[in-house]
């Protein structure tokens, strides 16, 4: 129960911080440079689609890797002596 409530506390802190500065991601401290907002820092549609496609390729590779590792290392270990430690 403690883990759930501490996770909710952290999530609530991040959510309230994001809501309080919305839509500014990085507010400006001077009048020369404008503040960075979610609209002028977002990537274009092509870049986001390329990133999403590579995410699914990487996810597939991770699933394949862990499946192979599970098959290689499954089963009962023999009684192997490791010497005196």
PDB file of N, CA and C in Angstrom:
ATOM      1  N   UNK A   1       0.820  -1.185   0.000  1.00  0.00           N
ATOM      2  CA  UNK A   1       0.000   0.000   0.000  1.00  0.00           C
ATOM      3  C   UNK A   1       0.868   1.255   0.000  1.00  0.00           C
ATOM      4  N   UNK A   2       1.995   1.179   0.707  1.00  0.00           N
ATOM      5  CA  UNK A   2       2.886   2.333   0.756  1.00  0.00           C
ATOM      6  C   UNK A   2       3.445   2.701  -0.602  1.00  0.00           C
ATOM      7  N   UNK A   3       3.762   1.675  -1.398  1.00  0.00           N
ATOM      8  CA  UNK A   3       4.290   1.940  -2.734  1.00  0.00           C
ATOM      9  C   UNK A   3       3.253   2.642  -3.606  1.00  0.00           C
ATOM     10  N   UNK A   4       2.013   2.201  -3.509  1.00  0.00           N
ATOM     11  CA  UNK A   4       0.944   2.791  -4.323  1.00  0.00           C
ATOM     12  C   UNK A   4       0.766   4.263  -3.955  1.00  0.00           C
ATOM     13  N   UNK A   5       0.690   4.558  -2.655  1.00  0.00           N
ATOM     14  CA  UNK A   5       0.459   5.937  -2.239  1.00  0.00           C
ATOM     15  C   UNK A   5       1.659   6.840  -2.507  1.00  0.00           C
ATOM     16  N   UNK A   6       2.871   6.311  -2.373  1.00  0.00           N
ATOM     17  CA  UNK A   6       4.037   7.137  -2.692  1.00  0.00           C
ATOM     18  C   UNK A   6       4.121   7.386  -4.192  1.00  0.00           C
ATOM     19  N   UNK A   7       3.741   6.406  -5.004  1.00  0.00           N
ATOM     20  CA  UNK A   7       3.711   6.604  -6.454  1.00  0.00           C
ATOM     21  C   UNK A   7       2.651   7.632  -6.839  1.00  0.00           C
ATOM     22  N   UNK A   8       1.474   7.559  -6.200  1.00  0.00           N
ATOM     23  CA  UNK A   8       0.428   8.544  -6.459  1.00  0.00           C
ATOM     24  C   UNK A   8       0.860   9.941  -6.027  1.00  0.00           C
ATOM     25  N   UNK A   9       1.581  10.023  -4.934  1.00  0.00           N
ATOM     26  CA  UNK A   9       2.085  11.312  -4.466  1.00  0.00           C
ATOM     27  C   UNK A   9       3.048  11.927  -5.482  1.00  0.00           C
ATOM     28  N   UNK A  10       3.979  11.131  -5.993  1.00  0.00           N
ATOM     29  CA  UNK A  10       4.926  11.625  -6.985  1.00  0.00           C
ATOM     30  C   UNK A  10       4.220  12.000  -8.282  1.00  0.00           C
ATOM     31  N   UNK A  11       3.306  11.158  -8.734  1.00  0.00           N
ATOM     32  CA  UNK A  11       2.562  11.457  -9.949  1.00  0.00           C
ATOM     33  C   UNK A  11       1.731  12.733  -9.784  1.00  0.00           C
ATOM     34  N   UNK A  12       1.120  12.895  -8.624  1.00  0.00           N
ATOM     35  CA  UNK A  12       0.343  14.098  -8.367  1.00  0.00           C
ATOM     36  C   UNK A  12       1.203  15.347  -8.347  1.00  0.00           C
ATOM     37  N   UNK A  13       2.410  15.239  -7.812  1.00  0.00           N
ATOM     38  CA  UNK A  13       3.329  16.375  -7.821  1.00  0.00           C
ATOM     39  C   UNK A  13       3.736  16.773  -9.217  1.00  0.00           C
ATOM     40  N   UNK A  14       4.059  15.778 -10.039  1.00  0.00           N
ATOM     41  CA  UNK A  14       4.429  16.071 -11.429  1.00  0.00           C
ATOM     42  C   UNK A  14       3.247  16.637 -12.204  1.00  0.00           C
ATOM     43  N   UNK A  15       2.054  16.071 -11.995  1.00  0.00           N
ATOM     44  CA  UNK A  15       0.875  16.526 -12.715  1.00  0.00           C
ATOM     45  C   UNK A  15       0.502  17.950 -12.321  1.00  0.00           C
ATOM     46  N   UNK A  16       0.574  18.274 -11.040  1.00  0.00           N
ATOM     47  CA  UNK A  16       0.228  19.633 -10.615  1.00  0.00           C
ATOM     48  C   UNK A  16       1.265  20.646 -11.098  1.00  0.00           C
ATOM     49  N   UNK A  17       2.525  20.248 -11.160  1.00  0.00           N
ATOM     50  CA  UNK A  17       3.556  21.145 -11.703  1.00  0.00           C
ATOM     51  C   UNK A  17       3.322  21.406 -13.185  1.00  0.00           C
ATOM     52  N   UNK A  18       3.027  20.352 -13.934  1.00  0.00           N
ATOM     53  CA  UNK A  18       2.769  20.519 -15.373  1.00  0.00           C
ATOM     54  C   UNK A  18       1.515  21.359 -15.604  1.00  0.00           C
ATOM     55  N   UNK A  19       0.491  21.160 -14.795  1.00  0.00           N
ATOM     56  CA  UNK A  19      -0.750  21.920 -14.972  1.00  0.00           C
ATOM     57  C   UNK A  19      -0.558  23.392 -14.619  1.00  0.00           C
ATOM     58  N   UNK A  20       0.324  23.675 -13.673  1.00  0.00           N
ATOM     59  CA  UNK A  20       0.500  25.063 -13.249  1.00  0.00           C
ATOM     60  C   UNK A  20       1.282  25.895 -14.259  1.00  0.00           C
ATOM     61  N   UNK A  21       2.131  25.265 -15.070  1.00  0.00           N
ATOM     62  CA  UNK A  21       2.912  26.033 -16.053  1.00  0.00           C
ATOM     63  C   UNK A  21       2.383  25.865 -17.474  1.00  0.00           C
ATOM     64  N   UNK A  22       1.308  25.090 -17.656  1.00  0.00           N
ATOM     65  CA  UNK A  22       0.748  24.862 -18.993  1.00  0.00           C
ATOM     66  C   UNK A  22       0.346  26.178 -19.625  1.00  0.00           C
ATOM     67  N   UNK A  23       0.627  26.443 -20.874  1.00  0.00           N
ATOM     68  CA  UNK A  23       1.274  25.647 -21.914  1.00  0.00           C
ATOM     69  C   UNK A  23       2.775  25.888 -21.996  1.00  0.00           C
ATOM     70  N   UNK A  24       3.343  26.598 -21.026  1.00  0.00           N
ATOM     71  CA  UNK A  24       4.776  26.891 -21.097  1.00  0.00           C
ATOM     72  C   UNK A  24       5.578  25.707 -20.568  1.00  0.00           C
ATOM     73  N   UNK A  25       6.556  25.284 -21.352  1.00  0.00           N
ATOM     74  CA  UNK A  25       7.452  24.218 -20.929  1.00  0.00           C
ATOM     75  C   UNK A  25       8.606  24.818 -20.131  1.00  0.00           C
ATOM     76  N   UNK A  26       9.129  25.925 -20.621  1.00  0.00           N
ATOM     77  CA  UNK A  26      10.228  26.629 -19.968  1.00  0.00           C
ATOM     78  C   UNK A  26       9.937  28.122 -20.021  1.00  0.00           C
ATOM     79  N   UNK A  27       9.431  28.692 -18.939  1.00  0.00           N
ATOM     80  CA  UNK A  27       9.111  30.121 -18.948  1.00  0.00           C
ATOM     81  C   UNK A  27      10.365  30.975 -19.119  1.00  0.00           C
ATOM     82  N   UNK A  28      10.217  32.091 -19.790  1.00  0.00           N
ATOM     83  CA  UNK A  28      11.334  33.002 -20.023  1.00  0.00           C
ATOM     84  C   UNK A  28      11.521  33.916 -18.820  1.00  0.00           C
ATOM     85  N   UNK A  29      12.773  34.237 -18.531  1.00  0.00           N
ATOM     86  CA  UNK A  29      13.069  35.137 -17.411  1.00  0.00           C
ATOM     87  C   UNK A  29      13.409  36.540 -17.885  1.00  0.00           C
ATOM     88  N   UNK A  30      13.414  36.759 -19.198  1.00  0.00           N
ATOM     89  CA  UNK A  30      13.697  38.088 -19.725  1.00  0.00           C
ATOM     90  C   UNK A  30      12.765  38.390 -20.897  1.00  0.00           C
ATOM     91  N   UNK A  31      12.830  39.605 -21.396  1.00  0.00           N
ATOM     92  CA  UNK A  31      11.934  39.990 -22.486  1.00  0.00           C
ATOM     93  C   UNK A  31      12.563  39.785 -23.866  1.00  0.00           C
ATOM     94  N   UNK A  32      13.818  39.380 -23.917  1.00  0.00           N
ATOM     95  CA  UNK A  32      14.499  39.190 -25.199  1.00  0.00           C
ATOM     96  C   UNK A  32      14.130  37.836 -25.813  1.00  0.00           C
ATOM     97  N   UNK A  33      14.215  36.791 -25.010  1.00  0.00           N
ATOM     98  CA  UNK A  33      13.925  35.443 -25.496  1.00  0.00           C
ATOM     99  C   UNK A  33      12.505  35.050 -25.102  1.00  0.00           C
ATOM    100  N   UNK A  34      11.707  34.568 -26.054  1.00  0.00           N
ATOM    101  CA  UNK A  34      10.343  34.148 -25.696  1.00  0.00           C
ATOM    102  C   UNK A  34      10.357  32.836 -24.913  1.00  0.00           C
ATOM    103  N   UNK A  35       9.280  32.599 -24.194  1.00  0.00           N
ATOM    104  CA  UNK A  35       9.148  31.349 -23.444  1.00  0.00           C
ATOM    105  C   UNK A  35       8.940  30.184 -24.405  1.00  0.00           C
ATOM    106  N   UNK A  36       9.420  29.023 -24.000  1.00  0.00           N
ATOM    107  CA  UNK A  36       9.196  27.824 -24.804  1.00  0.00           C
ATOM    108  C   UNK A  36       7.848  27.233 -24.409  1.00  0.00           C
ATOM    109  N   UNK A  37       6.963  27.075 -25.371  1.00  0.00           N
ATOM    110  CA  UNK A  37       5.650  26.497 -25.115  1.00  0.00           C
ATOM    111  C   UNK A  37       5.557  25.122 -25.764  1.00  0.00           C
ATOM    112  N   UNK A  38       4.494  24.405 -25.450  1.00  0.00           N
ATOM    113  CA  UNK A  38       4.335  23.072 -26.047  1.00  0.00           C
ATOM    114  C   UNK A  38       4.088  23.154 -27.537  1.00  0.00           C
ATOM    115  N   UNK A  39       3.697  24.327 -28.014  1.00  0.00           N
ATOM    116  CA  UNK A  39       3.404  24.480 -29.438  1.00  0.00           C
ATOM    117  C   UNK A  39       4.667  24.785 -30.258  1.00  0.00           C
ATOM    118  N   UNK A  40       5.622  25.525 -29.695  1.00  0.00           N
ATOM    119  CA  UNK A  40       6.813  25.842 -30.487  1.00  0.00           C
ATOM    120  C   UNK A  40       7.999  24.911 -30.206  1.00  0.00           C
ATOM    121  N   UNK A  41       7.845  23.917 -29.311  1.00  0.00           N
ATOM    122  CA  UNK A  41       8.921  22.941 -29.090  1.00  0.00           C
ATOM    123  C   UNK A  41       8.560  21.553 -29.615  1.00  0.00           C
ATOM    124  N   UNK A  42       7.339  21.385 -30.110  1.00  0.00           N
ATOM    125  CA  UNK A  42       6.912  20.073 -30.589  1.00  0.00           C
ATOM    126  C   UNK A  42       7.601  19.734 -31.907  1.00  0.00           C
ATOM    127  N   UNK A  43       7.896  18.461 -32.086  1.00  0.00           N
ATOM    128  CA  UNK A  43       8.480  17.997 -33.340  1.00  0.00           C
ATOM    129  C   UNK A  43       7.404  17.956 -34.414  1.00  0.00           C
ATOM    130  N   UNK A  44       7.854  17.929 -35.662  1.00  0.00           N
ATOM    131  CA  UNK A  44       6.862  17.865 -36.743  1.00  0.00           C
ATOM    132  C   UNK A  44       6.320  16.447 -36.876  1.00  0.00           C
ATOM    133  N   UNK A  45       5.285  16.297 -37.683  1.00  0.00           N
ATOM    134  CA  UNK A  45       4.583  15.019 -37.785  1.00  0.00           C
ATOM    135  C   UNK A  45       5.471  13.914 -38.339  1.00  0.00           C
ATOM    136  N   UNK A  46       6.337  14.243 -39.285  1.00  0.00           N
ATOM    137  CA  UNK A  46       7.220  13.230 -39.874  1.00  0.00           C
ATOM    138  C   UNK A  46       8.180  12.663 -38.824  1.00  0.00           C
ATOM    139  N   UNK A  47       8.781  13.541 -38.027  1.00  0.00           N
ATOM    140  CA  UNK A  47       9.716  13.080 -36.999  1.00  0.00           C
ATOM    141  C   UNK A  47       9.043  12.206 -35.957  1.00  0.00           C
ATOM    142  N   UNK A  48       7.822  12.562 -35.583  1.00  0.00           N
ATOM    143  CA  UNK A  48       7.092  11.751 -34.613  1.00  0.00           C
ATOM    144  C   UNK A  48       6.712  10.392 -35.188  1.00  0.00           C
ATOM    145  N   UNK A  49       6.364  10.345 -36.464  1.00  0.00           N
ATOM    146  CA  UNK A  49       6.004   9.063 -37.071  1.00  0.00           C
ATOM    147  C   UNK A  49       7.227   8.156 -37.203  1.00  0.00           C
ATOM    148  N   UNK A  50       8.374   8.727 -37.542  1.00  0.00           N
ATOM    149  CA  UNK A  50       9.611   7.927 -37.614  1.00  0.00           C
ATOM    150  C   UNK A  50       9.962   7.382 -36.236  1.00  0.00           C
ATOM    151  N   UNK A  51       9.849   8.216 -35.217  1.00  0.00           N
ATOM    152  CA  UNK A  51      10.128   7.762 -33.856  1.00  0.00           C
ATOM    153  C   UNK A  51       9.187   6.665 -33.405  1.00  0.00           C
ATOM    154  N   UNK A  52       7.920   6.775 -33.757  1.00  0.00           N
ATOM    155  CA  UNK A  52       6.948   5.752 -33.386  1.00  0.00           C
ATOM    156  C   UNK A  52       7.235   4.441 -34.090  1.00  0.00           C
ATOM    157  N   UNK A  53       7.591   4.517 -35.375  1.00  0.00           N
ATOM    158  CA  UNK A  53       7.935   3.287 -36.107  1.00  0.00           C
ATOM    159  C   UNK A  53       9.160   2.608 -35.507  1.00  0.00           C
ATOM    160  N   UNK A  54      10.191   3.363 -35.177  1.00  0.00           N
ATOM    161  CA  UNK A  54      11.383   2.775 -34.563  1.00  0.00           C
ATOM    162  C   UNK A  54      11.095   2.231 -33.172  1.00  0.00           C
ATOM    163  N   UNK A  55      10.143   2.847 -32.462  1.00  0.00           N
ATOM    164  CA  UNK A  55       9.765   2.331 -31.145  1.00  0.00           C
ATOM    165  C   UNK A  55       9.201   0.924 -31.270  1.00  0.00           C
ATOM    166  N   UNK A  56       8.315   0.694 -32.255  1.00  0.00           N
ATOM    167  CA  UNK A  56       7.724  -0.631 -32.415  1.00  0.00           C
ATOM    168  C   UNK A  56       8.763  -1.653 -32.868  1.00  0.00           C
ATOM    169  N   UNK A  57       9.706  -1.237 -33.692  1.00  0.00           N
ATOM    170  CA  UNK A  57      10.788  -2.146 -34.104  1.00  0.00           C
ATOM    171  C   UNK A  57      11.646  -2.511 -32.898  1.00  0.00           C
ATOM    172  N   UNK A  58      11.987  -1.529 -32.073  1.00  0.00           N
ATOM    173  CA  UNK A  58      12.799  -1.793 -30.886  1.00  0.00           C
ATOM    174  C   UNK A  58      12.041  -2.661 -29.888  1.00  0.00           C
ATOM    175  N   UNK A  59      10.742  -2.422 -29.734  1.00  0.00           N
ATOM    176  CA  UNK A  59       9.938  -3.242 -28.828  1.00  0.00           C
ATOM    177  C   UNK A  59       9.915  -4.689 -29.284  1.00  0.00           C
ATOM    178  N   UNK A  60       9.787  -4.910 -30.577  1.00  0.00           N
ATOM    179  CA  UNK A  60       9.819  -6.267 -31.114  1.00  0.00           C
ATOM    180  C   UNK A  60      11.176  -6.927 -30.844  1.00  0.00           C
ATOM    181  N   UNK A  61      12.260  -6.186 -31.041  1.00  0.00           N
ATOM    182  CA  UNK A  61      13.590  -6.743 -30.778  1.00  0.00           C
ATOM    183  C   UNK A  61      13.779  -7.087 -29.304  1.00  0.00           C
ATOM    184  N   UNK A  62      13.256  -6.262 -28.411  1.00  0.00           N
ATOM    185  CA  UNK A  62      13.362  -6.545 -26.977  1.00  0.00           C
ATOM    186  C   UNK A  62      12.580  -7.796 -26.607  1.00  0.00           C
ATOM    187  N   UNK A  63      11.383  -7.939 -27.160  1.00  0.00           N
ATOM    188  CA  UNK A  63      10.581  -9.132 -26.879  1.00  0.00           C
ATOM    189  C   UNK A  63      11.290 -10.386 -27.391  1.00  0.00           C
ATOM    190  N   UNK A  64      11.842 -10.317 -28.594  1.00  0.00           N
ATOM    191  CA  UNK A  64      12.580 -11.462 -29.147  1.00  0.00           C
ATOM    192  C   UNK A  64      13.795 -11.776 -28.281  1.00  0.00           C
ATOM    193  N   UNK A  65      14.535 -10.751 -27.851  1.00  0.00           N
ATOM    194  CA  UNK A  65      15.723 -10.956 -27.020  1.00  0.00           C
ATOM    195  C   UNK A  65      15.369 -11.650 -25.709  1.00  0.00           C
ATOM    196  N   UNK A  66      14.331 -11.159 -25.024  1.00  0.00           N
ATOM    197  CA  UNK A  66      13.971 -11.754 -23.744  1.00  0.00           C
ATOM    198  C   UNK A  66      13.390 -13.150 -23.910  1.00  0.00           C
ATOM    199  N   UNK A  67      12.717 -13.408 -25.021  1.00  0.00           N
ATOM    200  CA  UNK A  67      12.218 -14.759 -25.284  1.00  0.00           C
ATOM    201  C   UNK A  67      13.377 -15.725 -25.477  1.00  0.00           C
ATOM    202  N   UNK A  68      14.374 -15.320 -26.235  1.00  0.00           N
ATOM    203  CA  UNK A  68      15.552 -16.174 -26.441  1.00  0.00           C
ATOM    204  C   UNK A  68      16.289 -16.389 -25.124  1.00  0.00           C
ATOM    205  N   UNK A  69      16.459 -15.337 -24.337  1.00  0.00           N
ATOM    206  CA  UNK A  69      17.146 -15.479 -23.058  1.00  0.00           C
ATOM    207  C   UNK A  69      16.383 -16.398 -22.115  1.00  0.00           C
ATOM    208  N   UNK A  70      15.071 -16.315 -22.123  1.00  0.00           N
ATOM    209  CA  UNK A  70      14.270 -17.191 -21.271  1.00  0.00           C
ATOM    210  C   UNK A  70      14.445 -18.642 -21.688  1.00  0.00           C
ATOM    211  N   UNK A  71      14.440 -18.906 -22.985  1.00  0.00           N
ATOM    212  CA  UNK A  71      14.588 -20.282 -23.464  1.00  0.00           C
ATOM    213  C   UNK A  71      15.987 -20.821 -23.200  1.00  0.00           C
ATOM    214  N   UNK A  72      16.995 -19.971 -23.305  1.00  0.00           N
ATOM    215  CA  UNK A  72      18.368 -20.424 -23.079  1.00  0.00           C
ATOM    216  C   UNK A  72      18.603 -20.767 -21.613  1.00  0.00           C
ATOM    217  N   UNK A  73      18.074 -19.957 -20.704  1.00  0.00           N
ATOM    218  CA  UNK A  73      18.381 -20.121 -19.288  1.00  0.00           C
ATOM    219  C   UNK A  73      17.278 -20.799 -18.482  1.00  0.00           C
ATOM    220  N   UNK A  74      16.244 -21.341 -19.134  1.00  0.00           N
ATOM    221  CA  UNK A  74      15.184 -21.997 -18.376  1.00  0.00           C
ATOM    222  C   UNK A  74      15.655 -23.369 -17.906  1.00  0.00           C
ATOM    223  N   UNK A  75      14.973 -23.894 -16.926  1.00  0.00           N
ATOM    224  CA  UNK A  75      15.302 -25.215 -16.426  1.00  0.00           C
ATOM    225  C   UNK A  75      16.007 -25.143 -15.089  1.00  0.00           C
ATOM    226  N   UNK A  76      16.190 -26.299 -14.530  1.00  0.00           N
ATOM    227  CA  UNK A  76      16.799 -26.419 -13.215  1.00  0.00           C
ATOM    228  C   UNK A  76      18.316 -26.395 -13.336  1.00  0.00           C
ATOM    229  N   UNK A  77      18.935 -25.685 -12.414  1.00  0.00           N
ATOM    230  CA  UNK A  77      20.399 -25.660 -12.406  1.00  0.00           C
ATOM    231  C   UNK A  77      20.938 -26.933 -11.777  1.00  0.00           C
ATOM    232  N   UNK A  78      22.044 -27.408 -12.305  1.00  0.00           N
ATOM    233  CA  UNK A  78      22.699 -28.565 -11.710  1.00  0.00           C
ATOM    234  C   UNK A  78      23.416 -28.143 -10.450  1.00  0.00           C
ATOM    235  N   UNK A  79      23.774 -29.100  -9.662  1.00  0.00           N
ATOM    236  CA  UNK A  79      24.524 -28.824  -8.437  1.00  0.00           C
ATOM    237  C   UNK A  79      25.984 -28.620  -8.811  1.00  0.00           C
ATOM    238  N   UNK A  80      26.305 -27.375  -9.139  1.00  0.00           N
ATOM    239  CA  UNK A  80      27.647 -27.043  -9.593  1.00  0.00           C
ATOM    240  C   UNK A  80      28.413 -26.470  -8.422  1.00  0.00           C
ATOM    241  N   UNK A  81      29.604 -27.008  -8.181  1.00  0.00           N
ATOM    242  CA  UNK A  81      30.430 -26.489  -7.111  1.00  0.00           C
ATOM    243  C   UNK A  81      31.216 -25.268  -7.598  1.00  0.00           C
ATOM    244  N   UNK A  82      31.169 -24.199  -6.851  1.00  0.00           N
ATOM    245  CA  UNK A  82      31.877 -22.975  -7.222  1.00  0.00           C
ATOM    246  C   UNK A  82      33.147 -22.787  -6.404  1.00  0.00           C
ATOM    247  N   UNK A  83      33.565 -23.812  -5.707  1.00  0.00           N
ATOM    248  CA  UNK A  83      34.766 -23.686  -4.907  1.00  0.00           C
ATOM    249  C   UNK A  83      34.452 -23.091  -3.553  1.00  0.00           C
ATOM    250  N   UNK A  84      35.477 -22.908  -2.779  1.00  0.00           N
ATOM    251  CA  UNK A  84      35.298 -22.330  -1.439  1.00  0.00           C
ATOM    252  C   UNK A  84      35.365 -20.817  -1.517  1.00  0.00           C
ATOM    253  N   UNK A  85      34.300 -20.181  -1.129  1.00  0.00           N
ATOM    254  CA  UNK A  85      34.253 -18.727  -1.124  1.00  0.00           C
ATOM    255  C   UNK A  85      33.936 -18.235   0.245  1.00  0.00           C
TER     256      UNK A  85
END
